PDB file of N, CA and C in Angstrom:
ATOM      1  N   MET A   1       0.843  -1.173   0.000  1.00  0.00           N
ATOM      2  CA  MET A   1       0.000   0.000   0.000  1.00  0.00           C
ATOM      3  C   MET A   1       0.890   1.238   0.000  1.00  0.00           C
ATOM      4  N   ALA A   2       0.416   2.260  -0.651  1.00  0.00           N
ATOM      5  CA  ALA A   2       1.150   3.522  -0.701  1.00  0.00           C
ATOM      6  C   ALA A   2       1.126   4.196   0.673  1.00  0.00           C
ATOM      7  N   GLU A   3       2.121   5.021   0.900  1.00  0.00           N
ATOM      8  CA  GLU A   3       2.206   5.734   2.174  1.00  0.00           C
ATOM      9  C   GLU A   3       2.679   7.150   1.905  1.00  0.00           C
ATOM     10  N   GLN A   4       2.039   8.130   2.526  1.00  0.00           N
ATOM     11  CA  GLN A   4       2.438   9.522   2.374  1.00  0.00           C
ATOM     12  C   GLN A   4       3.310   9.911   3.557  1.00  0.00           C
ATOM     13  N   ARG A   5       4.365  10.688   3.285  1.00  0.00           N
ATOM     14  CA  ARG A   5       5.291  11.135   4.328  1.00  0.00           C
ATOM     15  C   ARG A   5       5.584  12.619   4.146  1.00  0.00           C
ATOM     16  N   LYS A   6       5.786  13.304   5.271  1.00  0.00           N
ATOM     17  CA  LYS A   6       6.238  14.692   5.240  1.00  0.00           C
ATOM     18  C   LYS A   6       6.747  15.074   6.622  1.00  0.00           C
ATOM     19  N   SER A   7       7.255  16.279   6.751  1.00  0.00           N
ATOM     20  CA  SER A   7       7.773  16.756   8.031  1.00  0.00           C
ATOM     21  C   SER A   7       6.630  17.179   8.939  1.00  0.00           C
ATOM     22  N   GLY A   8       6.848  17.022  10.231  1.00  0.00           N
ATOM     23  CA  GLY A   8       5.847  17.436  11.205  1.00  0.00           C
ATOM     24  C   GLY A   8       6.475  17.544  12.581  1.00  0.00           C
ATOM     25  N   TYR A   9       5.710  18.023  13.529  1.00  0.00           N
ATOM     26  CA  TYR A   9       6.181  18.161  14.899  1.00  0.00           C
ATOM     27  C   TYR A   9       5.418  17.175  15.775  1.00  0.00           C
ATOM     28  N   CYS A  10       6.151  16.335  16.500  1.00  0.00           N
ATOM     29  CA  CYS A  10       5.539  15.362  17.399  1.00  0.00           C
ATOM     30  C   CYS A  10       5.518  15.939  18.814  1.00  0.00           C
ATOM     31  N   LYS A  11       4.319  16.022  19.385  1.00  0.00           N
ATOM     32  CA  LYS A  11       4.181  16.540  20.749  1.00  0.00           C
ATOM     33  C   LYS A  11       4.731  15.552  21.771  1.00  0.00           C
ATOM     34  N   ASN A  12       4.716  14.274  21.441  1.00  0.00           N
ATOM     35  CA  ASN A  12       5.224  13.247  22.345  1.00  0.00           C
ATOM     36  C   ASN A  12       6.755  13.246  22.378  1.00  0.00           C
ATOM     37  N   CYS A  13       7.394  13.306  21.191  1.00  0.00           N
ATOM     38  CA  CYS A  13       8.862  13.330  21.092  1.00  0.00           C
ATOM     39  C   CYS A  13       9.423  14.728  21.348  1.00  0.00           C
ATOM     40  N   LYS A  14       8.575  15.751  21.219  1.00  0.00           N
ATOM     41  CA  LYS A  14       8.953  17.159  21.383  1.00  0.00           C
ATOM     42  C   LYS A  14      10.055  17.584  20.412  1.00  0.00           C
ATOM     43  N   LYS A  15       9.890  17.181  19.121  1.00  0.00           N
ATOM     44  CA  LYS A  15      10.845  17.569  18.084  1.00  0.00           C
ATOM     45  C   LYS A  15      10.213  17.394  16.708  1.00  0.00           C
ATOM     46  N   ASP A  16      10.873  17.972  15.702  1.00  0.00           N
ATOM     47  CA  ASP A  16      10.440  17.794  14.322  1.00  0.00           C
ATOM     48  C   ASP A  16      10.823  16.390  13.870  1.00  0.00           C
ATOM     49  N   VAL A  17       9.884  15.700  13.268  1.00  0.00           N
ATOM     50  CA  VAL A  17      10.094  14.327  12.816  1.00  0.00           C
ATOM     51  C   VAL A  17       9.436  14.143  11.451  1.00  0.00           C
ATOM     52  N   ILE A  18       9.642  12.984  10.862  1.00  0.00           N
ATOM     53  CA  ILE A  18       8.909  12.600   9.662  1.00  0.00           C
ATOM     54  C   ILE A  18       7.594  11.986  10.129  1.00  0.00           C
ATOM     55  N   VAL A  19       6.489  12.448   9.560  1.00  0.00           N
ATOM     56  CA  VAL A  19       5.180  11.898   9.885  1.00  0.00           C
ATOM     57  C   VAL A  19       4.646  11.170   8.662  1.00  0.00           C
ATOM     58  N   PHE A  20       3.776  10.185   8.876  1.00  0.00           N
ATOM     59  CA  PHE A  20       3.253   9.398   7.764  1.00  0.00           C
ATOM     60  C   PHE A  20       1.782   9.088   7.986  1.00  0.00           C
ATOM     61  N   ARG A  21       1.119   8.737   6.908  1.00  0.00           N
ATOM     62  CA  ARG A  21      -0.248   8.228   6.948  1.00  0.00           C
ATOM     63  C   ARG A  21      -0.434   7.289   5.763  1.00  0.00           C
ATOM     64  N   PRO A  22      -1.341   6.329   5.896  1.00  0.00           N
ATOM     65  CA  PRO A  22      -1.560   5.389   4.796  1.00  0.00           C
ATOM     66  C   PRO A  22      -2.088   6.119   3.563  1.00  0.00           C
ATOM     67  N   GLY A  23      -1.659   5.683   2.411  1.00  0.00           N
ATOM     68  CA  GLY A  23      -2.158   6.240   1.163  1.00  0.00           C
ATOM     69  C   GLY A  23      -3.308   5.410   0.630  1.00  0.00           C
ATOM     70  N   THR A  24      -3.858   5.812  -0.479  1.00  0.00           N
ATOM     71  CA  THR A  24      -4.962   5.101  -1.113  1.00  0.00           C
ATOM     72  C   THR A  24      -4.498   4.525  -2.432  1.00  0.00           C
ATOM     73  N   ASN A  25      -4.764   3.250  -2.646  1.00  0.00           N
ATOM     74  CA  ASN A  25      -4.452   2.595  -3.909  1.00  0.00           C
ATOM     75  C   ASN A  25      -5.629   2.841  -4.862  1.00  0.00           C
ATOM     76  N   HIS A  26      -5.538   3.917  -5.642  1.00  0.00           N
ATOM     77  CA  HIS A  26      -6.654   4.338  -6.478  1.00  0.00           C
ATOM     78  C   HIS A  26      -6.953   3.352  -7.600  1.00  0.00           C
ATOM     79  N   ILE A  27      -5.949   2.670  -8.128  1.00  0.00           N
ATOM     80  CA  ILE A  27      -6.178   1.689  -9.201  1.00  0.00           C
ATOM     81  C   ILE A  27      -7.052   0.545  -8.667  1.00  0.00           C
ATOM     82  N   LEU A  28      -6.716   0.029  -7.500  1.00  0.00           N
ATOM     83  CA  LEU A  28      -7.505  -1.053  -6.904  1.00  0.00           C
ATOM     84  C   LEU A  28      -8.947  -0.604  -6.661  1.00  0.00           C
ATOM     85  N   HIS A  29      -9.123   0.590  -6.110  1.00  0.00           N
ATOM     86  CA  HIS A  29     -10.471   1.086  -5.830  1.00  0.00           C
ATOM     87  C   HIS A  29     -11.257   1.321  -7.117  1.00  0.00           C
ATOM     88  N   LEU A  30     -10.588   1.760  -8.174  1.00  0.00           N
ATOM     89  CA  LEU A  30     -11.262   1.930  -9.462  1.00  0.00           C
ATOM     90  C   LEU A  30     -11.756   0.580  -9.991  1.00  0.00           C
ATOM     91  N   LEU A  31     -10.913  -0.438  -9.921  1.00  0.00           N
ATOM     92  CA  LEU A  31     -11.315  -1.769 -10.389  1.00  0.00           C
ATOM     93  C   LEU A  31     -12.483  -2.321  -9.565  1.00  0.00           C
ATOM     94  N   ILE A  32     -12.429  -2.152  -8.254  1.00  0.00           N
ATOM     95  CA  ILE A  32     -13.533  -2.620  -7.412  1.00  0.00           C
ATOM     96  C   ILE A  32     -14.809  -1.846  -7.733  1.00  0.00           C
ATOM     97  N   SER A  33     -14.701  -0.547  -8.009  1.00  0.00           N
ATOM     98  CA  SER A  33     -15.873   0.263  -8.355  1.00  0.00           C
ATOM     99  C   SER A  33     -16.501  -0.209  -9.661  1.00  0.00           C
ATOM    100  N   ILE A  34     -15.672  -0.591 -10.617  1.00  0.00           N
ATOM    101  CA  ILE A  34     -16.197  -1.083 -11.902  1.00  0.00           C
ATOM    102  C   ILE A  34     -16.917  -2.413 -11.700  1.00  0.00           C
ATOM    103  N   VAL A  35     -16.284  -3.328 -10.940  1.00  0.00           N
ATOM    104  CA  VAL A  35     -16.866  -4.649 -10.709  1.00  0.00           C
ATOM    105  C   VAL A  35     -18.190  -4.548  -9.939  1.00  0.00           C
ATOM    106  N   THR A  36     -18.267  -3.619  -8.980  1.00  0.00           N
ATOM    107  CA  THR A  36     -19.492  -3.485  -8.177  1.00  0.00           C
ATOM    108  C   THR A  36     -20.477  -2.470  -8.764  1.00  0.00           C
ATOM    109  N   MET A  37     -20.227  -2.041  -9.981  1.00  0.00           N
ATOM    110  CA  MET A  37     -21.097  -1.097 -10.688  1.00  0.00           C
ATOM    111  C   MET A  37     -21.316   0.195  -9.899  1.00  0.00           C
ATOM    112  N   GLY A  38     -20.265   0.716  -9.300  1.00  0.00           N
ATOM    113  CA  GLY A  38     -20.314   2.011  -8.642  1.00  0.00           C
ATOM    114  C   GLY A  38     -20.633   1.986  -7.161  1.00  0.00           C
ATOM    115  N   VAL A  39     -21.025   0.839  -6.631  1.00  0.00           N
ATOM    116  CA  VAL A  39     -21.371   0.759  -5.212  1.00  0.00           C
ATOM    117  C   VAL A  39     -20.152   1.075  -4.335  1.00  0.00           C
ATOM    118  N   TRP A  40     -18.967   0.732  -4.813  1.00  0.00           N
ATOM    119  CA  TRP A  40     -17.742   0.918  -4.031  1.00  0.00           C
ATOM    120  C   TRP A  40     -17.288   2.380  -3.983  1.00  0.00           C
ATOM    121  N   LEU A  41     -17.921   3.282  -4.700  1.00  0.00           N
ATOM    122  CA  LEU A  41     -17.499   4.688  -4.704  1.00  0.00           C
ATOM    123  C   LEU A  41     -17.604   5.330  -3.323  1.00  0.00           C
ATOM    124  N   ILE A  42     -18.599   4.942  -2.540  1.00  0.00           N
ATOM    125  CA  ILE A  42     -18.766   5.528  -1.195  1.00  0.00           C
ATOM    126  C   ILE A  42     -17.621   5.111  -0.272  1.00  0.00           C
ATOM    127  N   PRO A  43     -17.305   3.797  -0.144  1.00  0.00           N
ATOM    128  CA  PRO A  43     -16.157   3.433   0.699  1.00  0.00           C
ATOM    129  C   PRO A  43     -14.844   4.021   0.188  1.00  0.00           C
ATOM    130  N   TRP A  44     -14.691   4.126  -1.132  1.00  0.00           N
ATOM    131  CA  TRP A  44     -13.478   4.707  -1.715  1.00  0.00           C
ATOM    132  C   TRP A  44     -13.333   6.150  -1.249  1.00  0.00           C
ATOM    133  N   PHE A  45     -14.409   6.909  -1.313  1.00  0.00           N
ATOM    134  CA  PHE A  45     -14.370   8.304  -0.880  1.00  0.00           C
ATOM    135  C   PHE A  45     -14.015   8.405   0.602  1.00  0.00           C
ATOM    136  N   LEU A  46     -14.660   7.580   1.430  1.00  0.00           N
ATOM    137  CA  LEU A  46     -14.396   7.616   2.864  1.00  0.00           C
ATOM    138  C   LEU A  46     -12.945   7.245   3.176  1.00  0.00           C
ATOM    139  N   HIS A  47     -12.401   6.298   2.459  1.00  0.00           N
ATOM    140  CA  HIS A  47     -11.007   5.897   2.666  1.00  0.00           C
ATOM    141  C   HIS A  47     -10.046   6.997   2.198  1.00  0.00           C
ATOM    142  N   SER A  48     -10.438   7.716   1.173  1.00  0.00           N
ATOM    143  CA  SER A  48      -9.575   8.752   0.599  1.00  0.00           C
ATOM    144  C   SER A  48      -9.430   9.980   1.485  1.00  0.00           C
ATOM    145  N   ILE A  49     -10.356  10.220   2.406  1.00  0.00           N
ATOM    146  CA  ILE A  49     -10.257  11.409   3.248  1.00  0.00           C
ATOM    147  C   ILE A  49      -9.320  11.205   4.433  1.00  0.00           C
ATOM    148  N   LYS A  50      -8.720  10.034   4.536  1.00  0.00           N
ATOM    149  CA  LYS A  50      -7.658   9.760   5.518  1.00  0.00           C
ATOM    150  C   LYS A  50      -8.121   9.962   6.953  1.00  0.00           C
ATOM    151  N   ILE A  51      -9.089   9.209   7.365  1.00  0.00           N
ATOM    152  CA  ILE A  51      -9.637   9.331   8.712  1.00  0.00           C
ATOM    153  C   ILE A  51      -8.568   9.074   9.776  1.00  0.00           C
ATOM    154  N   GLY A  52      -7.616   8.187   9.523  1.00  0.00           N
ATOM    155  CA  GLY A  52      -6.600   7.825  10.510  1.00  0.00           C
ATOM    156  C   GLY A  52      -5.674   8.953  10.917  1.00  0.00           C
ATOM    157  N   GLY A  53      -5.371   9.844  10.026  1.00  0.00           N
ATOM    158  CA  GLY A  53      -4.513  10.977  10.336  1.00  0.00           C
ATOM    159  C   GLY A  53      -3.027  10.665  10.298  1.00  0.00           C
ATOM    160  N   TRP A  54      -2.222  11.645  10.617  1.00  0.00           N
ATOM    161  CA  TRP A  54      -0.766  11.550  10.568  1.00  0.00           C
ATOM    162  C   TRP A  54      -0.225  10.930  11.850  1.00  0.00           C
ATOM    163  N   ARG A  55       0.855  10.155  11.720  1.00  0.00           N
ATOM    164  CA  ARG A  55       1.510   9.522  12.868  1.00  0.00           C
ATOM    165  C   ARG A  55       3.012   9.803  12.822  1.00  0.00           C
ATOM    166  N   CYS A  56       3.621   9.887  13.994  1.00  0.00           N
ATOM    167  CA  CYS A  56       5.055  10.088  14.117  1.00  0.00           C
ATOM    168  C   CYS A  56       5.780   8.808  13.695  1.00  0.00           C
ATOM    169  N   GLN A  57       6.806   8.944  12.861  1.00  0.00           N
ATOM    170  CA  GLN A  57       7.573   7.783  12.414  1.00  0.00           C
ATOM    171  C   GLN A  57       8.429   7.222  13.557  1.00  0.00           C
ATOM    172  N   THR A  58       8.830   8.064  14.498  1.00  0.00           N
ATOM    173  CA  THR A  58       9.700   7.645  15.590  1.00  0.00           C
ATOM    174  C   THR A  58       8.947   6.865  16.662  1.00  0.00           C
ATOM    175  N   CYS A  59       7.855   7.435  17.182  1.00  0.00           N
ATOM    176  CA  CYS A  59       7.155   6.798  18.302  1.00  0.00           C
ATOM    177  C   CYS A  59       5.783   6.240  17.931  1.00  0.00           C
ATOM    178  N   GLY A  60       5.257   6.595  16.760  1.00  0.00           N
ATOM    179  CA  GLY A  60       3.951   6.106  16.334  1.00  0.00           C
ATOM    180  C   GLY A  60       2.772   6.862  16.906  1.00  0.00           C
ATOM    181  N   SER A  61       3.032   7.928  17.633  1.00  0.00           N
ATOM    182  CA  SER A  61       1.989   8.712  18.282  1.00  0.00           C
ATOM    183  C   SER A  61       1.153   9.469  17.248  1.00  0.00           C
ATOM    184  N   LYS A  62      -0.144   9.633  17.546  1.00  0.00           N
ATOM    185  CA  LYS A  62      -1.017  10.424  16.687  1.00  0.00           C
ATOM    186  C   LYS A  62      -0.988  11.903  17.033  1.00  0.00           C
ATOM    187  N   SER A  63      -0.258  12.281  18.068  1.00  0.00           N
ATOM    188  CA  SER A  63      -0.230  13.675  18.516  1.00  0.00           C
ATOM    189  C   SER A  63       0.826  14.471  17.744  1.00  0.00           C
ATOM    190  N   VAL A  64       0.580  14.647  16.444  1.00  0.00           N
ATOM    191  CA  VAL A  64       1.527  15.380  15.606  1.00  0.00           C
ATOM    192  C   VAL A  64       0.815  16.510  14.889  1.00  0.00           C
ATOM    193  N   ASN A  65       1.557  17.564  14.608  1.00  0.00           N
ATOM    194  CA  ASN A  65       1.071  18.653  13.765  1.00  0.00           C
ATOM    195  C   ASN A  65       1.864  18.576  12.472  1.00  0.00           C
ATOM    196  N   SER A  66       1.190  18.270  11.375  1.00  0.00           N
ATOM    197  CA  SER A  66       1.906  18.168  10.101  1.00  0.00           C
ATOM    198  C   SER A  66       2.244  19.559   9.586  1.00  0.00           C
ATOM    199  N   ILE A  67       3.433  19.703   9.049  1.00  0.00           N
ATOM    200  CA  ILE A  67       3.901  20.971   8.489  1.00  0.00           C
ATOM    201  C   ILE A  67       3.680  20.924   6.996  1.00  0.00           C
ATOM    202  N   LYS A  68       2.977  21.910   6.474  1.00  0.00           N
ATOM    203  CA  LYS A  68       2.653  21.908   5.042  1.00  0.00           C
ATOM    204  C   LYS A  68       3.784  22.421   4.212  1.00  0.00           C
TER     205      LYS A  68
END
């Protein structure tokens, strides 16, 4: 699965770190949407908005502020 990474600040580590979140495999979701005749578009959309959020690569904590 794809993974997005960028710089961020971890409140737990109290320093700038690399933060990550799971990416979306759009090709797989497109194929599932075709097979299910569009029914899969709703779960695809919900998965694409990244409900899980960013995590610190060092400690795994969710208490990070991502830097744009």
